[in-house]
Amino acid sequence: MAFLHLPNEIILQIAGELSPPDLNALLKANRRLAILLASSLLDSVCRKHHKFYGKRALYFAAEREDKATVSRLIERGLLNVVGKGALLNKAVLDQSERVVSTLLACGVGAETKNLKGRTPLSLAARCGRAGIVRLLLREPTVDVNSADKTSATPLLLAATRGHEEVVRLLLADKRVEVDTQDKSNGTPLHRATFWGEEAVVKLLLEDQRSDINLQNVGNSTPLHSAAFWGYSPVIRLLLADPRINVNPTNQDDWTPLHTAADQASECAVQTLLEDTRVAVNYNSSSSGTPLHVAATRGCAAVVKLLLGDPRVQVNLRDRNGDTALHLAANQENERAMLLLLAHRDIDVNIPNNSGCSIRDLGSLLPSKYSPNIQEWIRGHNSKGKKADME
């Protein structure tokens, strides 16, 4: 007897032993089987614990906004098959807004967390799915400040990735805490400045709840972060905010100008020097002034920028008594040395804490320097002796 000639009861009994793919193939055979076996397919998915097919069934029904089928699957325990903590978390990543909306309407939980402790809202914010973020923010049970295992909130994750529209949506929700800090004490503004996300930085600065001078675990402020990576447009945005402290110090007792000098970022140094509030001669307890840092780093372009600022004092000494010229000589940075020597106020006779001036270094350590530096030192020794005789 042909299969289609069998009584419905026998067909249903056979269907009960088939896998979801085989049942699905039968449904596609003709209209009679499609009507007859639709319920059997749902039963098979739930009964046989097919996680993959269970998700497909749910997402397919949700895409069609078939709330009756979605509810039926949930009632039959499908969430226990596909995993309560994975369904919506995955849907916000690769399914449509329609799917997410239907699942939420059918009671699928919006506060489930994945292995990293991230909720659907955190995941949607991180991936920049603004429409889904909007849906989730309407859910009264959603914790808009839920922190993952690194203490990162949805706002912090969105700011890190530069998702402007998502950040705007989150900031518009008064429940959202603007200055939440991760395990490194970094705020959304720290993250946005660190990655140079100019549009997001602007949005965060426009929110008066933002504390733009908060320090992270290394005592660095957002201005330090922007200076570290040389993001001049971001630095300008920060400097334009009247709340900004332009000379904060981090755990190394460095200002943002020290940081920019150490990173040899000409653009950042130039931008900071344009602000008259910047303390160009701040003498840190660890490394001296920004000029000391630049001389040690050996970036001639940054040394030149600093020397071009009339506020910069070229002969200041660090905790070891070294001037910037001492440090440039110690590091054998010839170009930096030549720039310093060309400055009208340079003093080659200043001793450090060991009693050594630049004039002394050539005779004490002649083999340390290249022929060019040795020649320079000999020449200045002669000038120094001539001056002493006069």
Protein backbone atom coordinates (compact mmCIF):
# COMPACT_ATOMS: atom_id res chain seq x y z
CA MET A 1 0.00 0.00 0.00
CA ALA A 2 1.33 3.45 -0.93
CA PHE A 3 2.32 5.66 2.02
CA LEU A 4 -0.22 8.32 1.13
CA HIS A 5 -2.99 5.72 1.14
CA LEU A 6 -2.34 4.85 4.78
CA PRO A 7 -4.80 6.04 7.41
CA ASN A 8 -3.88 9.24 9.19
CA GLU A 9 -3.45 7.37 12.47
CA ILE A 10 -0.73 5.13 11.02
CA ILE A 11 1.00 8.04 9.29
CA LEU A 12 1.08 9.90 12.61
CA GLN A 13 2.45 6.83 14.38
CA ILE A 14 5.22 6.52 11.79
CA ALA A 15 5.90 10.24 12.00
CA GLY A 16 6.46 9.90 15.72
CA GLU A 17 9.58 7.83 15.01
CA LEU A 18 11.08 10.19 12.43
CA SER A 19 13.73 12.85 12.97
CA PRO A 20 12.87 16.52 12.41
CA PRO A 21 14.63 16.63 8.98
CA ASP A 22 12.70 13.60 7.75
CA LEU A 23 9.44 14.97 9.06
CA ASN A 24 10.15 18.30 7.43
CA ALA A 25 10.72 16.51 4.11
CA LEU A 26 7.33 14.81 4.44
CA LEU A 27 5.64 18.13 5.15
CA LYS A 28 6.97 19.42 1.86
CA ALA A 29 5.62 16.41 -0.08
CA ASN A 30 2.03 17.61 -0.38
CA ARG A 31 -0.59 19.78 1.27
CA ARG A 32 -2.28 16.91 3.14
CA LEU A 33 0.95 15.92 4.90
CA ALA A 34 1.80 19.55 5.61
CA ILE A 35 -1.47 19.99 7.49
CA LEU A 36 -1.36 16.57 9.13
CA LEU A 37 2.25 16.55 10.30
CA ALA A 38 2.83 20.17 11.34
CA SER A 39 2.01 19.37 14.94
CA SER A 40 4.08 16.18 14.81
CA LEU A 41 7.13 18.16 13.69
CA LEU A 42 6.81 20.48 16.66
CA ASP A 43 6.38 17.51 18.98
CA SER A 44 9.45 15.84 17.49
CA VAL A 45 11.62 18.88 17.99
CA CYS A 46 10.60 19.15 21.64
CA ARG A 47 10.51 15.45 22.42
CA LYS A 48 13.80 14.43 20.86
CA HIS A 49 15.79 17.38 22.19
CA HIS A 50 17.06 18.58 18.84
CA LYS A 51 18.71 21.86 19.88
CA PHE A 52 19.61 22.96 16.36
CA TYR A 53 16.18 22.26 14.89
CA GLY A 54 14.48 23.65 17.96
CA LYS A 55 16.10 27.04 17.45
CA ARG A 56 15.29 26.98 13.77
CA ALA A 57 11.65 26.22 14.50
CA LEU A 58 11.40 29.04 17.02
CA TYR A 59 13.17 31.60 14.86
CA PHE A 60 11.16 30.61 11.78
CA ALA A 61 7.86 31.01 13.62
CA ALA A 62 9.02 34.25 15.23
CA GLU A 63 10.08 35.71 11.87
CA ARG A 64 6.52 35.15 10.64
CA GLU A 65 5.27 36.74 13.88
CA ASP A 66 3.44 33.47 14.52
CA LYS A 67 3.02 33.97 18.25
CA ALA A 68 0.71 30.97 18.56
CA THR A 69 3.38 28.57 17.31
CA VAL A 70 6.12 30.23 19.35
CA SER A 71 3.97 30.02 22.48
CA ARG A 72 3.13 26.40 21.70
CA LEU A 73 6.81 25.49 21.42
CA ILE A 74 7.59 27.27 24.67
CA GLU A 75 4.71 25.53 26.44
CA ARG A 76 6.06 22.18 25.27
CA GLY A 77 9.37 22.90 26.98
CA LEU A 78 11.48 23.85 23.99
CA LEU A 79 13.36 26.44 26.03
CA ASN A 80 14.74 23.60 28.11
CA VAL A 81 15.98 22.00 24.88
CA VAL A 82 17.61 25.03 23.23
CA GLY A 83 18.84 26.55 26.48
CA LYS A 84 17.09 29.36 28.29
CA GLY A 85 20.30 31.35 28.54
CA ALA A 86 21.18 31.14 24.87
CA LEU A 87 18.04 31.75 22.85
CA LEU A 88 17.56 35.50 23.01
CA ASN A 89 21.29 36.11 23.49
CA LYS A 90 21.92 34.49 20.12
CA ALA A 91 18.86 36.01 18.47
CA VAL A 92 20.02 39.58 19.12
CA LEU A 93 23.23 38.79 17.24
CA ASP A 94 21.98 37.18 14.05
CA GLN A 95 18.19 37.42 13.87
CA SER A 96 15.89 40.23 12.76
CA GLU A 97 14.13 42.76 14.96
CA ARG A 98 10.89 40.95 14.13
CA VAL A 99 12.21 37.71 15.62
CA VAL A 100 13.40 39.41 18.80
CA SER A 101 10.15 41.34 19.17
CA THR A 102 8.05 38.17 18.79
CA LEU A 103 10.17 36.22 21.26
CA LEU A 104 9.88 39.01 23.82
CA ALA A 105 6.11 39.20 23.29
CA CYS A 106 5.89 35.46 23.94
CA GLY A 107 7.66 35.75 27.26
CA VAL A 108 11.23 34.74 26.40
CA GLY A 109 13.44 36.17 29.15
CA ALA A 110 15.44 39.31 28.37
CA GLU A 111 17.87 39.04 31.29
CA THR A 112 19.62 35.77 30.46
CA LYS A 113 23.43 35.89 30.55
CA ASN A 114 25.99 34.08 28.43
CA LEU A 115 29.31 32.68 29.64
CA LYS A 116 30.82 36.18 29.69
CA GLY A 117 27.97 37.46 31.82
CA ARG A 118 26.44 39.48 28.98
CA THR A 119 22.71 39.98 28.61
CA PRO A 120 20.88 40.41 25.29
CA LEU A 121 21.06 44.20 25.78
CA SER A 122 24.82 44.06 26.33
CA LEU A 123 25.30 41.94 23.22
CA ALA A 124 23.05 44.09 21.05
CA ALA A 125 24.81 47.25 22.27
CA ARG A 126 28.24 45.79 21.60
CA CYS A 127 27.25 44.79 18.06
CA GLY A 128 25.61 48.12 17.29
CA ARG A 129 22.11 46.72 16.72
CA ALA A 130 20.25 49.94 17.48
CA GLY A 131 16.79 48.63 16.58
CA ILE A 132 17.09 45.70 18.94
CA VAL A 133 18.53 47.93 21.67
CA ARG A 134 15.43 50.10 21.28
CA LEU A 135 13.20 47.04 21.69
CA LEU A 136 15.01 45.86 24.80
CA LEU A 137 14.95 49.28 26.45
CA ARG A 138 11.14 49.11 26.31
CA GLU A 139 11.16 45.96 28.41
CA PRO A 140 10.46 46.88 32.06
CA THR A 141 12.45 43.92 33.38
CA VAL A 142 15.66 44.78 31.52
CA ASP A 143 18.57 45.97 33.66
CA VAL A 144 20.02 48.76 31.54
CA ASN A 145 23.18 48.84 33.66
CA SER A 146 23.83 45.09 33.76
CA ALA A 147 27.57 44.44 34.08
CA ASP A 148 29.38 41.50 32.51
CA LYS A 149 32.30 39.63 34.07
CA THR A 150 34.63 42.53 33.31
CA SER A 151 32.12 44.97 34.86
CA ALA A 152 31.36 46.41 31.42
CA THR A 153 27.83 47.77 30.96
CA PRO A 154 25.90 48.08 27.68
CA LEU A 155 26.90 51.75 27.43
CA LEU A 156 30.55 50.96 27.98
CA LEU A 157 30.48 48.20 25.35
CA ALA A 158 28.75 50.44 22.81
CA ALA A 159 31.19 53.30 23.46
CA THR A 160 34.16 50.98 22.98
CA ARG A 161 32.91 49.94 19.54
CA GLY A 162 31.95 53.48 18.52
CA HIS A 163 28.26 52.71 17.98
CA GLU A 164 26.96 56.26 17.93
CA GLU A 165 23.24 55.50 17.53
CA VAL A 166 23.28 52.92 20.32
CA VAL A 167 25.10 55.32 22.65
CA ARG A 168 22.51 57.99 21.86
CA LEU A 169 19.66 55.59 22.68
CA LEU A 170 21.24 54.54 25.96
CA LEU A 171 22.01 58.10 27.07
CA ALA A 172 18.39 59.06 26.37
CA ASP A 173 17.29 56.50 28.96
CA LYS A 174 17.53 58.18 32.36
CA ARG A 175 18.02 54.80 34.04
CA VAL A 176 21.41 54.46 32.37
CA GLU A 177 24.40 55.30 34.56
CA VAL A 178 26.85 57.29 32.48
CA ASP A 179 30.04 56.81 34.52
CA THR A 180 29.94 53.09 35.26
CA GLN A 181 33.47 51.70 35.54
CA ASP A 182 34.90 48.38 34.40
CA LYS A 183 37.49 46.32 36.28
CA SER A 184 40.17 48.78 35.21
CA ASN A 185 38.00 51.65 36.48
CA GLY A 186 37.57 52.79 32.90
CA THR A 187 34.39 54.69 32.05
CA PRO A 188 32.59 54.81 28.69
CA LEU A 189 34.43 58.08 28.07
CA HIS A 190 37.78 56.39 28.76
CA ARG A 191 36.93 53.68 26.25
CA ALA A 192 35.73 56.10 23.58
CA THR A 193 38.80 58.34 23.90
CA PHE A 194 41.13 55.33 23.96
CA TRP A 195 39.78 54.13 20.62
CA GLY A 196 39.45 57.60 19.11
CA GLU A 197 35.67 57.41 18.69
CA GLU A 198 35.12 61.12 18.14
CA ALA A 199 31.33 61.03 17.61
CA VAL A 200 30.79 58.98 20.77
CA VAL A 201 33.10 61.24 22.79
CA LYS A 202 31.02 64.21 21.68
CA LEU A 203 27.78 62.52 22.77
CA LEU A 204 29.21 61.63 26.17
CA LEU A 205 30.55 65.15 26.73
CA GLU A 206 27.14 66.60 25.88
CA ASP A 207 25.66 64.63 28.77
CA GLN A 208 26.19 66.70 31.90
CA ARG A 209 26.16 63.55 34.03
CA SER A 210 29.59 62.59 32.66
CA ASP A 211 32.55 63.14 34.97
CA ILE A 212 35.19 63.83 32.36
CA ASN A 213 38.06 63.82 34.88
CA LEU A 214 37.47 60.39 36.40
CA GLN A 215 40.67 58.35 36.73
CA ASN A 216 41.08 54.67 35.90
CA VAL A 217 43.16 52.10 37.78
CA GLY A 218 46.36 53.77 36.54
CA ASN A 219 45.00 57.20 37.54
CA SER A 220 44.75 58.15 33.87
CA THR A 221 41.90 60.38 32.73
CA PRO A 222 40.21 60.31 29.31
CA LEU A 223 42.57 63.13 28.30
CA HIS A 224 45.54 60.86 29.05
CA SER A 225 43.96 58.17 26.86
CA ALA A 226 43.48 60.52 23.93
CA ALA A 227 47.03 61.86 24.33
CA PHE A 228 48.45 58.33 24.46
CA TRP A 229 47.07 57.47 21.03
CA GLY A 230 47.49 60.93 19.55
CA TYR A 231 43.84 61.57 18.71
CA SER A 232 43.99 65.33 18.18
CA PRO A 233 40.27 65.80 17.32
CA VAL A 234 39.33 64.00 20.54
CA ILE A 235 41.86 66.04 22.54
CA ARG A 236 40.30 69.23 21.16
CA LEU A 237 36.82 68.08 22.17
CA LEU A 238 38.02 67.41 25.71
CA LEU A 239 39.94 70.68 26.02
CA ALA A 240 36.88 72.60 24.82
CA ASP A 241 34.82 71.32 27.74
CA PRO A 242 34.90 73.82 30.63
CA ARG A 243 34.86 70.95 33.16
CA ILE A 244 38.21 69.57 31.99
CA ASN A 245 41.30 69.44 34.17
CA VAL A 246 44.04 69.93 31.58
CA ASN A 247 46.89 68.89 33.90
CA PRO A 248 45.79 65.72 35.74
CA THR A 249 48.55 63.34 36.78
CA ASN A 250 48.50 59.56 36.51
CA GLN A 251 50.28 56.94 38.63
CA ASP A 252 53.60 57.92 37.04
CA ASP A 253 52.94 61.56 37.94
CA TRP A 254 52.60 62.32 34.24
CA THR A 255 50.31 64.89 32.71
CA PRO A 256 48.72 64.26 29.29
CA LEU A 257 51.57 66.29 27.76
CA HIS A 258 54.11 63.88 29.29
CA THR A 259 52.12 60.99 27.82
CA ALA A 260 51.98 62.53 24.36
CA ALA A 261 55.72 63.30 24.46
CA ASP A 262 56.54 59.74 25.49
CA GLN A 263 54.46 58.38 22.61
CA ALA A 264 56.27 60.73 20.21
CA SER A 265 52.89 62.00 19.04
CA GLU A 266 53.56 65.30 17.32
CA CYS A 267 49.87 66.00 16.69
CA ALA A 268 48.90 65.44 20.32
CA VAL A 269 51.82 67.53 21.62
CA GLN A 270 50.98 70.37 19.23
CA THR A 271 47.30 70.31 20.20
CA LEU A 272 48.09 70.38 23.91
CA LEU A 273 50.65 73.18 23.53
CA GLU A 274 47.99 75.32 21.85
CA ASP A 275 46.12 75.43 25.17
CA THR A 276 47.61 78.07 27.46
CA ARG A 277 46.36 76.20 30.54
CA VAL A 278 48.68 73.26 29.91
CA ALA A 279 51.57 73.12 32.39
CA VAL A 280 54.44 72.72 29.95
CA ASN A 281 57.07 72.64 32.71
CA TYR A 282 55.37 70.30 35.17
CA ASN A 283 58.28 68.44 36.78
CA SER A 284 57.04 64.95 37.57
CA SER A 285 58.48 62.97 40.46
CA SER A 286 59.34 60.11 38.12
CA SER A 287 60.58 61.56 34.85
CA GLY A 288 60.96 65.31 34.98
CA THR A 289 59.25 67.63 32.52
CA PRO A 290 57.70 66.76 29.16
CA LEU A 291 60.96 67.99 27.60
CA HIS A 292 62.90 65.46 29.70
CA VAL A 293 60.57 62.72 28.47
CA ALA A 294 60.91 63.78 24.84
CA ALA A 295 64.71 64.00 25.12
CA THR A 296 64.84 60.51 26.60
CA ARG A 297 62.51 59.19 23.93
CA GLY A 298 64.69 60.78 21.28
CA CYS A 299 61.90 62.12 19.09
CA ALA A 300 63.48 65.19 17.54
CA ALA A 301 60.16 66.44 16.15
CA VAL A 302 58.57 66.54 19.60
CA VAL A 303 61.69 68.11 21.14
CA LYS A 304 61.52 70.79 18.45
CA LEU A 305 57.83 71.46 19.18
CA LEU A 306 58.50 71.85 22.88
CA LEU A 307 61.53 74.08 22.36
CA GLY A 308 59.42 76.25 20.07
CA ASP A 309 57.09 77.12 22.95
CA PRO A 310 58.43 80.21 24.78
CA ARG A 311 57.01 78.90 28.07
CA VAL A 312 59.30 75.87 28.10
CA GLN A 313 62.28 76.12 30.45
CA VAL A 314 65.13 74.14 28.90
CA ASN A 315 67.43 73.86 31.92
CA LEU A 316 65.10 72.38 34.53
CA ARG A 317 66.49 69.36 36.38
CA ASP A 318 64.69 66.11 37.22
CA ARG A 319 64.93 64.17 40.50
CA ASN A 320 68.45 63.02 39.53
CA GLY A 321 69.51 66.55 38.75
CA ASP A 322 69.63 65.81 35.01
CA THR A 323 68.57 68.37 32.45
CA ALA A 324 66.93 67.36 29.19
CA LEU A 325 70.36 67.71 27.59
CA HIS A 326 71.86 65.25 30.07
CA LEU A 327 69.19 62.70 29.16
CA ALA A 328 69.57 63.20 25.42
CA ALA A 329 73.33 62.71 25.80
CA ASN A 330 72.92 59.63 27.99
CA GLN A 331 70.64 58.08 25.37
CA GLU A 332 72.96 59.20 22.55
CA ASN A 333 70.09 61.00 20.84
CA GLU A 334 72.14 63.21 18.56
CA ARG A 335 69.29 65.04 16.84
CA ALA A 336 67.67 65.89 20.16
CA MET A 337 71.03 67.07 21.51
CA LEU A 338 71.64 69.34 18.54
CA LEU A 339 68.19 70.90 18.88
CA LEU A 340 68.77 71.53 22.58
CA LEU A 341 72.23 72.98 21.96
CA ALA A 342 70.81 75.36 19.39
CA HIS A 343 68.44 76.86 21.96
CA ARG A 344 69.55 80.28 23.10
CA ASP A 345 68.97 79.55 26.78
CA ILE A 346 70.77 76.20 26.99
CA ASP A 347 73.34 75.89 29.77
CA VAL A 348 75.91 73.10 29.27
CA ASN A 349 77.55 73.69 32.65
CA ILE A 350 74.69 72.58 34.91
CA PRO A 351 75.78 69.58 37.02
CA ASN A 352 73.45 66.73 37.90
CA ASN A 353 73.28 65.09 41.34
CA SER A 354 76.49 63.22 40.53
CA GLY A 355 78.26 66.49 39.85
CA CYS A 356 78.54 65.88 36.10
CA SER A 357 77.73 68.52 33.53
CA ILE A 358 77.51 67.92 29.81
CA ARG A 359 81.06 69.25 29.54
CA ASP A 360 82.24 66.52 31.92
CA LEU A 361 80.55 63.61 30.16
CA GLY A 362 82.87 63.54 27.18
CA SER A 363 85.99 63.05 29.28
CA LEU A 364 84.38 60.58 31.70
CA LEU A 365 82.77 58.30 29.11
CA PRO A 366 84.47 58.96 25.78
CA SER A 367 83.69 55.53 24.33
CA LYS A 368 79.94 55.81 24.96
CA TYR A 369 79.29 58.37 22.26
CA SER A 370 79.44 58.33 18.50
CA PRO A 371 82.18 60.32 16.74
CA ASN A 372 79.71 63.15 16.06
CA ILE A 373 78.80 63.50 19.73
CA GLN A 374 82.44 63.21 20.84
CA GLU A 375 83.38 65.97 18.42
CA TRP A 376 80.56 68.15 19.75
CA ILE A 377 81.61 67.55 23.38
CA ARG A 378 85.25 68.36 22.60
CA GLY A 379 84.18 71.54 20.88
CA HIS A 380 82.03 72.66 23.79
CA ASN A 381 84.73 71.74 26.29
CA SER A 382 87.02 74.12 24.42
CA LYS A 383 84.37 76.82 24.46
CA GLY A 384 83.81 76.23 28.16
CA LYS A 385 87.52 76.47 29.00
CA LYS A 386 87.85 79.63 26.90
CA ALA A 387 84.92 81.15 28.72
CA ASP A 388 86.43 80.20 32.09
CA MET A 389 89.74 81.87 31.17
CA GLU A 390 87.96 85.05 30.20
